[in-house]
């Protein structure tokens, strides 16, 4: 058949030896055989026995198959770069998923637009506000030419309502100051199990820096309810619930964006996303 080189896994080296007897007996010129080891990713499995038992398809986002990695949001270039770094060796090579994701992050970070989303949302009521508040947010902080979007909050009965993540809520102590990203700095007055009460402390970023106020993302009351699927080894942490800013509804299916301070996600439906990595 005119084959000059055979590329095969190291586990087939014994077969190469067996086949050499056939080539010799038949008087054929034997192709050069190049054996290479497996590339293993820590925390991920390609065992066909395990996958058959679990009934997992090859394109499942939990798997390190090319189809699985693609569906999760890993770019072809990122995978290619990590393969070039590892190289072709006769012995098995092992990398961590963190290495793979770090390489992918280099590719998708400049492409992914930024949006605000809060997981496990908690209501914040800002009292004593008699004016509209408007936040102007860049689509990407490094590329101003991509434009901005504005979110305007109207005061109702001298109050403005937003939502923050449960994690940020738990960190906020009474009397502390928090900066709502690109909106205003608020001082926590009170908090119960489901609500945080606050007032405007100041509006500029410099005032927030002077009191070391953390900058957190937030979502207006008309935010889009979302669900995020997170792959963890062979498990799926299904439907982590949250709210995203209304502009997220304009993200196209298959597009990768970054939920600020949460991670990169890939849109699969109107309100459902796959967690790519941080």
C-alpha atoms as a PDB file:
ATOM      1  CA  UNK A   1       0.000   0.000   0.000  1.00  0.00           C
ATOM      2  CA  UNK A   2       3.043   2.272  -0.047  1.00  0.00           C
ATOM      3  CA  UNK A   3       2.916   3.087   3.680  1.00  0.00           C
ATOM      4  CA  UNK A   4       6.289   4.326   4.936  1.00  0.00           C
ATOM      5  CA  UNK A   5       5.546   5.293   8.553  1.00  0.00           C
ATOM      6  CA  UNK A   6       3.194   3.949  11.210  1.00  0.00           C
ATOM      7  CA  UNK A   7       2.201   6.130  14.154  1.00  0.00           C
ATOM      8  CA  UNK A   8       0.749   4.096  16.988  1.00  0.00           C
ATOM      9  CA  UNK A   9       0.411   4.081  20.764  1.00  0.00           C
ATOM     10  CA  UNK A  10       3.239   2.635  22.852  1.00  0.00           C
ATOM     11  CA  UNK A  11       0.918  -0.136  24.056  1.00  0.00           C
ATOM     12  CA  UNK A  12       1.036  -1.582  20.517  1.00  0.00           C
ATOM     13  CA  UNK A  13       4.831  -1.912  20.425  1.00  0.00           C
ATOM     14  CA  UNK A  14       4.479  -5.671  20.907  1.00  0.00           C
ATOM     15  CA  UNK A  15       2.240  -5.805  17.829  1.00  0.00           C
ATOM     16  CA  UNK A  16       4.962  -4.034  15.856  1.00  0.00           C
ATOM     17  CA  UNK A  17       7.402  -6.788  16.838  1.00  0.00           C
ATOM     18  CA  UNK A  18       4.913  -9.501  15.841  1.00  0.00           C
ATOM     19  CA  UNK A  19       4.196  -7.852  12.504  1.00  0.00           C
ATOM     20  CA  UNK A  20       7.902  -7.592  11.715  1.00  0.00           C
ATOM     21  CA  UNK A  21       7.957 -11.393  11.332  1.00  0.00           C
ATOM     22  CA  UNK A  22       5.194 -11.169   8.720  1.00  0.00           C
ATOM     23  CA  UNK A  23       7.077  -8.485   6.781  1.00  0.00           C
ATOM     24  CA  UNK A  24      10.275 -10.519   6.886  1.00  0.00           C
ATOM     25  CA  UNK A  25       8.528 -13.743   5.850  1.00  0.00           C
ATOM     26  CA  UNK A  26       6.811 -12.051   2.919  1.00  0.00           C
ATOM     27  CA  UNK A  27       9.949 -10.222   1.853  1.00  0.00           C
ATOM     28  CA  UNK A  28       8.334  -6.835   2.285  1.00  0.00           C
ATOM     29  CA  UNK A  29      10.065  -3.650   3.330  1.00  0.00           C
ATOM     30  CA  UNK A  30       8.838  -2.794   6.824  1.00  0.00           C
ATOM     31  CA  UNK A  31       7.518   0.732   7.466  1.00  0.00           C
ATOM     32  CA  UNK A  32       9.117   2.715  10.266  1.00  0.00           C
ATOM     33  CA  UNK A  33       6.989   2.486  13.413  1.00  0.00           C
ATOM     34  CA  UNK A  34       6.888   5.496  15.746  1.00  0.00           C
ATOM     35  CA  UNK A  35       5.348   4.794  19.136  1.00  0.00           C
ATOM     36  CA  UNK A  36       3.975   7.445  21.432  1.00  0.00           C
ATOM     37  CA  UNK A  37       2.586   7.471  24.960  1.00  0.00           C
ATOM     38  CA  UNK A  38      -0.865   8.496  26.077  1.00  0.00           C
ATOM     39  CA  UNK A  39      -1.677  12.010  27.181  1.00  0.00           C
ATOM     40  CA  UNK A  40      -3.561  11.863  30.451  1.00  0.00           C
ATOM     41  CA  UNK A  41      -5.407  14.767  32.059  1.00  0.00           C
ATOM     42  CA  UNK A  42      -5.605  14.696  35.845  1.00  0.00           C
ATOM     43  CA  UNK A  43      -9.185  14.413  37.073  1.00  0.00           C
ATOM     44  CA  UNK A  44     -10.556  13.304  33.686  1.00  0.00           C
ATOM     45  CA  UNK A  45     -10.961   9.790  32.328  1.00  0.00           C
ATOM     46  CA  UNK A  46     -11.044   8.217  28.875  1.00  0.00           C
ATOM     47  CA  UNK A  47     -11.548   4.663  30.115  1.00  0.00           C
ATOM     48  CA  UNK A  48     -13.985   3.044  27.684  1.00  0.00           C
ATOM     49  CA  UNK A  49     -15.040   0.564  30.356  1.00  0.00           C
ATOM     50  CA  UNK A  50     -16.086   3.328  32.761  1.00  0.00           C
ATOM     51  CA  UNK A  51     -17.764   5.369  30.057  1.00  0.00           C
ATOM     52  CA  UNK A  52     -19.818   2.424  28.792  1.00  0.00           C
ATOM     53  CA  UNK A  53     -20.924   1.630  32.343  1.00  0.00           C
ATOM     54  CA  UNK A  54     -22.069   5.238  32.822  1.00  0.00           C
ATOM     55  CA  UNK A  55     -23.636   5.503  29.380  1.00  0.00           C
ATOM     56  CA  UNK A  56     -21.700   8.699  28.584  1.00  0.00           C
ATOM     57  CA  UNK A  57     -21.416   9.804  24.952  1.00  0.00           C
ATOM     58  CA  UNK A  58     -18.077  10.840  23.462  1.00  0.00           C
ATOM     59  CA  UNK A  59     -19.104  14.481  23.081  1.00  0.00           C
ATOM     60  CA  UNK A  60     -20.156  14.864  26.726  1.00  0.00           C
ATOM     61  CA  UNK A  61     -18.738  18.035  28.340  1.00  0.00           C
ATOM     62  CA  UNK A  62     -17.315  15.974  31.223  1.00  0.00           C
ATOM     63  CA  UNK A  63     -14.882  14.138  28.936  1.00  0.00           C
ATOM     64  CA  UNK A  64     -11.434  15.149  27.646  1.00  0.00           C
ATOM     65  CA  UNK A  65     -12.260  13.879  24.158  1.00  0.00           C
ATOM     66  CA  UNK A  66     -11.835  16.444  21.394  1.00  0.00           C
ATOM     67  CA  UNK A  67     -15.617  16.629  20.980  1.00  0.00           C
ATOM     68  CA  UNK A  68     -16.189  16.905  24.730  1.00  0.00           C
ATOM     69  CA  UNK A  69     -13.599  19.636  25.161  1.00  0.00           C
ATOM     70  CA  UNK A  70     -15.038  21.547  22.203  1.00  0.00           C
ATOM     71  CA  UNK A  71     -18.594  21.357  23.541  1.00  0.00           C
ATOM     72  CA  UNK A  72     -17.395  22.613  26.908  1.00  0.00           C
ATOM     73  CA  UNK A  73     -15.824  25.669  25.286  1.00  0.00           C
ATOM     74  CA  UNK A  74     -12.175  24.764  24.758  1.00  0.00           C
ATOM     75  CA  UNK A  75     -10.730  26.181  21.555  1.00  0.00           C
ATOM     76  CA  UNK A  76      -8.933  24.067  18.971  1.00  0.00           C
ATOM     77  CA  UNK A  77      -5.934  26.415  19.180  1.00  0.00           C
ATOM     78  CA  UNK A  78      -5.695  26.029  22.952  1.00  0.00           C
ATOM     79  CA  UNK A  79      -5.706  22.229  22.658  1.00  0.00           C
ATOM     80  CA  UNK A  80      -3.144  22.367  19.850  1.00  0.00           C
ATOM     81  CA  UNK A  81      -0.842  24.594  21.906  1.00  0.00           C
ATOM     82  CA  UNK A  82      -0.886  22.268  24.910  1.00  0.00           C
ATOM     83  CA  UNK A  83      -0.110  19.270  22.668  1.00  0.00           C
ATOM     84  CA  UNK A  84       2.874  21.116  21.187  1.00  0.00           C
ATOM     85  CA  UNK A  85       4.140  21.903  24.686  1.00  0.00           C
ATOM     86  CA  UNK A  86       3.927  18.284  25.782  1.00  0.00           C
ATOM     87  CA  UNK A  87       5.380  16.915  22.552  1.00  0.00           C
ATOM     88  CA  UNK A  88       5.366  13.355  21.204  1.00  0.00           C
ATOM     89  CA  UNK A  89       7.117  10.951  23.573  1.00  0.00           C
ATOM     90  CA  UNK A  90       7.339   7.161  23.834  1.00  0.00           C
ATOM     91  CA  UNK A  91       6.238   7.416  27.476  1.00  0.00           C
ATOM     92  CA  UNK A  92       2.898   8.529  28.891  1.00  0.00           C
ATOM     93  CA  UNK A  93       2.563  12.221  29.737  1.00  0.00           C
ATOM     94  CA  UNK A  94       0.283  13.732  32.363  1.00  0.00           C
ATOM     95  CA  UNK A  95      -1.001  17.299  32.543  1.00  0.00           C
ATOM     96  CA  UNK A  96      -3.476  18.940  34.867  1.00  0.00           C
ATOM     97  CA  UNK A  97      -6.770  20.353  33.655  1.00  0.00           C
ATOM     98  CA  UNK A  98      -5.498  23.689  35.022  1.00  0.00           C
ATOM     99  CA  UNK A  99      -2.720  23.640  32.390  1.00  0.00           C
ATOM    100  CA  UNK A 100      -5.228  23.001  29.626  1.00  0.00           C
ATOM    101  CA  UNK A 101      -7.606  25.684  30.863  1.00  0.00           C
ATOM    102  CA  UNK A 102      -4.781  28.208  31.280  1.00  0.00           C
ATOM    103  CA  UNK A 103      -3.853  27.743  27.626  1.00  0.00           C
ATOM    104  CA  UNK A 104      -7.479  28.043  26.564  1.00  0.00           C
ATOM    105  CA  UNK A 105      -7.895  31.189  28.673  1.00  0.00           C
ATOM    106  CA  UNK A 106      -5.204  32.913  26.578  1.00  0.00           C
ATOM    107  CA  UNK A 107      -7.327  32.290  23.482  1.00  0.00           C
ATOM    108  CA  UNK A 108     -10.816  33.155  24.740  1.00  0.00           C
ATOM    109  CA  UNK A 109      -9.999  35.985  27.183  1.00  0.00           C
ATOM    110  CA  UNK A 110      -9.636  38.688  24.496  1.00  0.00           C
ATOM    111  CA  UNK A 111     -12.691  37.387  22.619  1.00  0.00           C
ATOM    112  CA  UNK A 112     -15.174  37.025  25.474  1.00  0.00           C
ATOM    113  CA  UNK A 113     -17.343  40.019  26.318  1.00  0.00           C
ATOM    114  CA  UNK A 114     -17.973  40.759  30.008  1.00  0.00           C
ATOM    115  CA  UNK A 115     -21.341  40.609  31.709  1.00  0.00           C
ATOM    116  CA  UNK A 116     -22.568  40.802  35.278  1.00  0.00           C
ATOM    117  CA  UNK A 117     -24.279  37.783  36.809  1.00  0.00           C
ATOM    118  CA  UNK A 118     -24.945  36.762  40.401  1.00  0.00           C
ATOM    119  CA  UNK A 119     -25.233  33.186  41.625  1.00  0.00           C
ATOM    120  CA  UNK A 120     -27.750  32.472  44.381  1.00  0.00           C
ATOM    121  CA  UNK A 121     -29.020  36.103  44.315  1.00  0.00           C
ATOM    122  CA  UNK A 122     -29.872  38.137  47.419  1.00  0.00           C
ATOM    123  CA  UNK A 123     -31.909  41.362  47.340  1.00  0.00           C
ATOM    124  CA  UNK A 124     -30.302  44.694  48.255  1.00  0.00           C
ATOM    125  CA  UNK A 125     -32.556  47.662  49.072  1.00  0.00           C
ATOM    126  CA  UNK A 126     -30.813  51.029  48.875  1.00  0.00           C
ATOM    127  CA  UNK A 127     -32.783  53.570  50.908  1.00  0.00           C
ATOM    128  CA  UNK A 128     -32.949  57.340  50.631  1.00  0.00           C
ATOM    129  CA  UNK A 129     -32.400  57.538  46.881  1.00  0.00           C
ATOM    130  CA  UNK A 130     -34.494  60.159  45.081  1.00  0.00           C
ATOM    131  CA  UNK A 131     -32.829  60.015  41.674  1.00  0.00           C
ATOM    132  CA  UNK A 132     -32.042  57.599  38.902  1.00  0.00           C
ATOM    133  CA  UNK A 133     -28.706  55.795  39.013  1.00  0.00           C
ATOM    134  CA  UNK A 134     -26.999  54.765  35.777  1.00  0.00           C
ATOM    135  CA  UNK A 135     -24.064  52.409  35.278  1.00  0.00           C
ATOM    136  CA  UNK A 136     -22.025  52.509  32.060  1.00  0.00           C
ATOM    137  CA  UNK A 137     -20.187  49.233  31.549  1.00  0.00           C
ATOM    138  CA  UNK A 138     -17.642  48.330  28.841  1.00  0.00           C
ATOM    139  CA  UNK A 139     -18.223  45.166  26.841  1.00  0.00           C
ATOM    140  CA  UNK A 140     -14.521  44.394  27.373  1.00  0.00           C
ATOM    141  CA  UNK A 141     -12.199  46.462  29.599  1.00  0.00           C
ATOM    142  CA  UNK A 142      -9.249  46.057  27.215  1.00  0.00           C
ATOM    143  CA  UNK A 143     -11.147  46.861  24.021  1.00  0.00           C
ATOM    144  CA  UNK A 144     -13.195  50.087  24.385  1.00  0.00           C
ATOM    145  CA  UNK A 145     -13.978  50.008  20.663  1.00  0.00           C
ATOM    146  CA  UNK A 146     -16.446  47.180  21.354  1.00  0.00           C
ATOM    147  CA  UNK A 147     -18.691  49.708  23.006  1.00  0.00           C
ATOM    148  CA  UNK A 148     -20.585  50.057  26.241  1.00  0.00           C
ATOM    149  CA  UNK A 149     -23.994  49.302  27.652  1.00  0.00           C
ATOM    150  CA  UNK A 150     -25.984  51.257  30.216  1.00  0.00           C
ATOM    151  CA  UNK A 151     -28.188  50.038  33.051  1.00  0.00           C
ATOM    152  CA  UNK A 152     -30.497  52.630  34.605  1.00  0.00           C
ATOM    153  CA  UNK A 153     -32.188  52.078  37.961  1.00  0.00           C
ATOM    154  CA  UNK A 154     -35.268  54.088  38.880  1.00  0.00           C
ATOM    155  CA  UNK A 155     -36.129  55.113  42.413  1.00  0.00           C
ATOM    156  CA  UNK A 156     -39.470  53.889  43.767  1.00  0.00           C
ATOM    157  CA  UNK A 157     -40.574  55.351  47.105  1.00  0.00           C
ATOM    158  CA  UNK A 158     -37.009  56.658  47.606  1.00  0.00           C
ATOM    159  CA  UNK A 159     -35.617  53.140  47.234  1.00  0.00           C
ATOM    160  CA  UNK A 160     -33.606  51.323  44.588  1.00  0.00           C
ATOM    161  CA  UNK A 161     -33.381  47.532  44.442  1.00  0.00           C
ATOM    162  CA  UNK A 162     -30.554  45.398  43.040  1.00  0.00           C
ATOM    163  CA  UNK A 163     -29.397  41.815  43.532  1.00  0.00           C
ATOM    164  CA  UNK A 164     -25.935  40.582  44.583  1.00  0.00           C
ATOM    165  CA  UNK A 165     -24.526  37.073  45.026  1.00  0.00           C
ATOM    166  CA  UNK A 166     -25.065  35.177  48.257  1.00  0.00           C
ATOM    167  CA  UNK A 167     -21.284  34.961  48.690  1.00  0.00           C
ATOM    168  CA  UNK A 168     -20.890  38.758  48.589  1.00  0.00           C
ATOM    169  CA  UNK A 169     -23.871  39.140  50.890  1.00  0.00           C
ATOM    170  CA  UNK A 170     -22.266  36.868  53.473  1.00  0.00           C
ATOM    171  CA  UNK A 171     -19.029  38.900  53.400  1.00  0.00           C
ATOM    172  CA  UNK A 172     -20.795  42.233  53.903  1.00  0.00           C
ATOM    173  CA  UNK A 173     -20.837  43.328  57.538  1.00  0.00           C
ATOM    174  CA  UNK A 174     -23.056  46.032  59.008  1.00  0.00           C
ATOM    175  CA  UNK A 175     -21.277  49.377  58.631  1.00  0.00           C
ATOM    176  CA  UNK A 176     -19.076  48.150  55.767  1.00  0.00           C
ATOM    177  CA  UNK A 177     -18.907  49.916  52.403  1.00  0.00           C
ATOM    178  CA  UNK A 178     -19.323  48.065  49.100  1.00  0.00           C
ATOM    179  CA  UNK A 179     -18.873  49.399  45.587  1.00  0.00           C
ATOM    180  CA  UNK A 180     -21.513  48.243  43.142  1.00  0.00           C
ATOM    181  CA  UNK A 181     -19.534  48.030  39.918  1.00  0.00           C
ATOM    182  CA  UNK A 182     -19.704  51.283  37.896  1.00  0.00           C
ATOM    183  CA  UNK A 183     -22.797  52.389  39.869  1.00  0.00           C
ATOM    184  CA  UNK A 184     -22.259  53.680  43.419  1.00  0.00           C
ATOM    185  CA  UNK A 185     -20.739  52.928  46.817  1.00  0.00           C
ATOM    186  CA  UNK A 186     -23.217  51.732  49.437  1.00  0.00           C
ATOM    187  CA  UNK A 187     -22.976  51.432  53.217  1.00  0.00           C
ATOM    188  CA  UNK A 188     -24.614  48.394  54.821  1.00  0.00           C
ATOM    189  CA  UNK A 189     -27.201  49.413  57.431  1.00  0.00           C
ATOM    190  CA  UNK A 190     -28.795  46.084  58.229  1.00  0.00           C
ATOM    191  CA  UNK A 191     -29.137  42.538  56.928  1.00  0.00           C
ATOM    192  CA  UNK A 192     -31.388  39.579  57.514  1.00  0.00           C
ATOM    193  CA  UNK A 193     -31.508  36.120  55.961  1.00  0.00           C
ATOM    194  CA  UNK A 194     -32.777  37.260  52.576  1.00  0.00           C
ATOM    195  CA  UNK A 195     -32.210  41.023  52.290  1.00  0.00           C
ATOM    196  CA  UNK A 196     -29.491  43.606  52.742  1.00  0.00           C
ATOM    197  CA  UNK A 197     -30.473  47.192  53.617  1.00  0.00           C
ATOM    198  CA  UNK A 198     -28.069  49.956  52.605  1.00  0.00           C
ATOM    199  CA  UNK A 199     -27.741  53.645  51.797  1.00  0.00           C
ATOM    200  CA  UNK A 200     -25.597  55.607  49.346  1.00  0.00           C
ATOM    201  CA  UNK A 201     -22.166  56.299  50.819  1.00  0.00           C
ATOM    202  CA  UNK A 202     -20.632  57.991  47.762  1.00  0.00           C
ATOM    203  CA  UNK A 203     -20.506  57.487  44.012  1.00  0.00           C
ATOM    204  CA  UNK A 204     -16.922  57.835  42.772  1.00  0.00           C
ATOM    205  CA  UNK A 205     -14.300  55.107  42.598  1.00  0.00           C
ATOM    206  CA  UNK A 206     -11.735  57.110  44.557  1.00  0.00           C
ATOM    207  CA  UNK A 207     -14.043  57.218  47.603  1.00  0.00           C
ATOM    208  CA  UNK A 208     -14.352  53.436  47.434  1.00  0.00           C
ATOM    209  CA  UNK A 209     -10.570  53.049  47.295  1.00  0.00           C
ATOM    210  CA  UNK A 210     -10.092  55.250  50.356  1.00  0.00           C
ATOM    211  CA  UNK A 211     -12.141  52.863  52.497  1.00  0.00           C
ATOM    212  CA  UNK A 212     -10.916  49.697  50.741  1.00  0.00           C
ATOM    213  CA  UNK A 213     -14.427  48.887  49.561  1.00  0.00           C
ATOM    214  CA  UNK A 214     -14.661  45.635  47.563  1.00  0.00           C
ATOM    215  CA  UNK A 215     -15.998  45.999  44.016  1.00  0.00           C
ATOM    216  CA  UNK A 216     -18.778  43.528  43.306  1.00  0.00           C
ATOM    217  CA  UNK A 217     -21.106  42.759  40.425  1.00  0.00           C
ATOM    218  CA  UNK A 218     -24.857  43.247  40.712  1.00  0.00           C
ATOM    219  CA  UNK A 219     -27.979  42.749  38.647  1.00  0.00           C
ATOM    220  CA  UNK A 220     -31.099  44.958  38.308  1.00  0.00           C
ATOM    221  CA  UNK A 221     -34.556  43.655  39.284  1.00  0.00           C
ATOM    222  CA  UNK A 222     -35.379  42.847  35.642  1.00  0.00           C
ATOM    223  CA  UNK A 223     -32.385  40.508  35.357  1.00  0.00           C
ATOM    224  CA  UNK A 224     -32.552  37.294  33.318  1.00  0.00           C
ATOM    225  CA  UNK A 225     -32.908  34.091  35.393  1.00  0.00           C
ATOM    226  CA  UNK A 226     -30.102  31.740  34.352  1.00  0.00           C
ATOM    227  CA  UNK A 227     -28.904  28.186  35.043  1.00  0.00           C
ATOM    228  CA  UNK A 228     -25.253  27.136  34.804  1.00  0.00           C
ATOM    229  CA  UNK A 229     -24.133  23.511  34.379  1.00  0.00           C
ATOM    230  CA  UNK A 230     -20.730  22.773  35.930  1.00  0.00           C
ATOM    231  CA  UNK A 231     -18.752  19.649  34.957  1.00  0.00           C
ATOM    232  CA  UNK A 232     -16.765  18.183  37.871  1.00  0.00           C
ATOM    233  CA  UNK A 233     -14.820  15.076  36.835  1.00  0.00           C
ATOM    234  CA  UNK A 234     -17.541  12.608  35.771  1.00  0.00           C
ATOM    235  CA  UNK A 235     -20.266  14.462  37.664  1.00  0.00           C
ATOM    236  CA  UNK A 236     -22.462  17.293  36.476  1.00  0.00           C
ATOM    237  CA  UNK A 237     -23.380  19.901  39.038  1.00  0.00           C
ATOM    238  CA  UNK A 238     -26.671  20.711  37.386  1.00  0.00           C
ATOM    239  CA  UNK A 239     -28.430  24.022  37.180  1.00  0.00           C
ATOM    240  CA  UNK A 240     -26.653  26.388  39.525  1.00  0.00           C
ATOM    241  CA  UNK A 241     -29.250  29.180  39.640  1.00  0.00           C
ATOM    242  CA  UNK A 242     -28.686  32.895  39.325  1.00  0.00           C
ATOM    243  CA  UNK A 243     -29.579  36.182  37.678  1.00  0.00           C
ATOM    244  CA  UNK A 244     -27.781  37.926  34.829  1.00  0.00           C
ATOM    245  CA  UNK A 245     -28.077  41.453  33.516  1.00  0.00           C
ATOM    246  CA  UNK A 246     -30.691  41.838  30.737  1.00  0.00           C
ATOM    247  CA  UNK A 247     -28.039  42.266  27.998  1.00  0.00           C
ATOM    248  CA  UNK A 248     -27.100  38.581  28.385  1.00  0.00           C
ATOM    249  CA  UNK A 249     -30.267  37.695  26.496  1.00  0.00           C
ATOM    250  CA  UNK A 250     -28.580  39.082  23.351  1.00  0.00           C
ATOM    251  CA  UNK A 251     -25.666  36.606  23.602  1.00  0.00           C
ATOM    252  CA  UNK A 252     -25.871  34.090  20.745  1.00  0.00           C
ATOM    253  CA  UNK A 253     -26.065  30.334  21.249  1.00  0.00           C
ATOM    254  CA  UNK A 254     -22.567  28.814  21.354  1.00  0.00           C
ATOM    255  CA  UNK A 255     -20.928  32.133  22.274  1.00  0.00           C
ATOM    256  CA  UNK A 256     -18.450  32.204  25.153  1.00  0.00           C
ATOM    257  CA  UNK A 257     -18.626  35.166  27.535  1.00  0.00           C
ATOM    258  CA  UNK A 258     -17.274  35.927  30.974  1.00  0.00           C
ATOM    259  CA  UNK A 259     -19.517  36.382  33.972  1.00  0.00           C
ATOM    260  CA  UNK A 260     -17.373  38.778  35.971  1.00  0.00           C
ATOM    261  CA  UNK A 261     -15.810  37.316  39.127  1.00  0.00           C
ATOM    262  CA  UNK A 262     -17.380  33.944  38.288  1.00  0.00           C
ATOM    263  CA  UNK A 263     -15.757  32.550  35.152  1.00  0.00           C
ATOM    264  CA  UNK A 264     -16.124  31.898  31.438  1.00  0.00           C
ATOM    265  CA  UNK A 265     -19.391  30.325  30.332  1.00  0.00           C
ATOM    266  CA  UNK A 266     -20.796  29.076  27.030  1.00  0.00           C
ATOM    267  CA  UNK A 267     -24.404  29.769  26.143  1.00  0.00           C
ATOM    268  CA  UNK A 268     -26.361  26.667  25.103  1.00  0.00           C
ATOM    269  CA  UNK A 269     -29.930  27.964  25.383  1.00  0.00           C
ATOM    270  CA  UNK A 270     -31.691  31.260  26.130  1.00  0.00           C
ATOM    271  CA  UNK A 271     -31.173  30.898  29.872  1.00  0.00           C
ATOM    272  CA  UNK A 272     -28.757  27.964  30.195  1.00  0.00           C
ATOM    273  CA  UNK A 273     -24.958  28.045  30.169  1.00  0.00           C
ATOM    274  CA  UNK A 274     -22.059  25.605  30.502  1.00  0.00           C
ATOM    275  CA  UNK A 275     -19.242  26.556  32.851  1.00  0.00           C
ATOM    276  CA  UNK A 276     -15.989  26.543  30.864  1.00  0.00           C
ATOM    277  CA  UNK A 277     -13.410  27.455  33.511  1.00  0.00           C
ATOM    278  CA  UNK A 278     -12.381  30.438  35.645  1.00  0.00           C
END
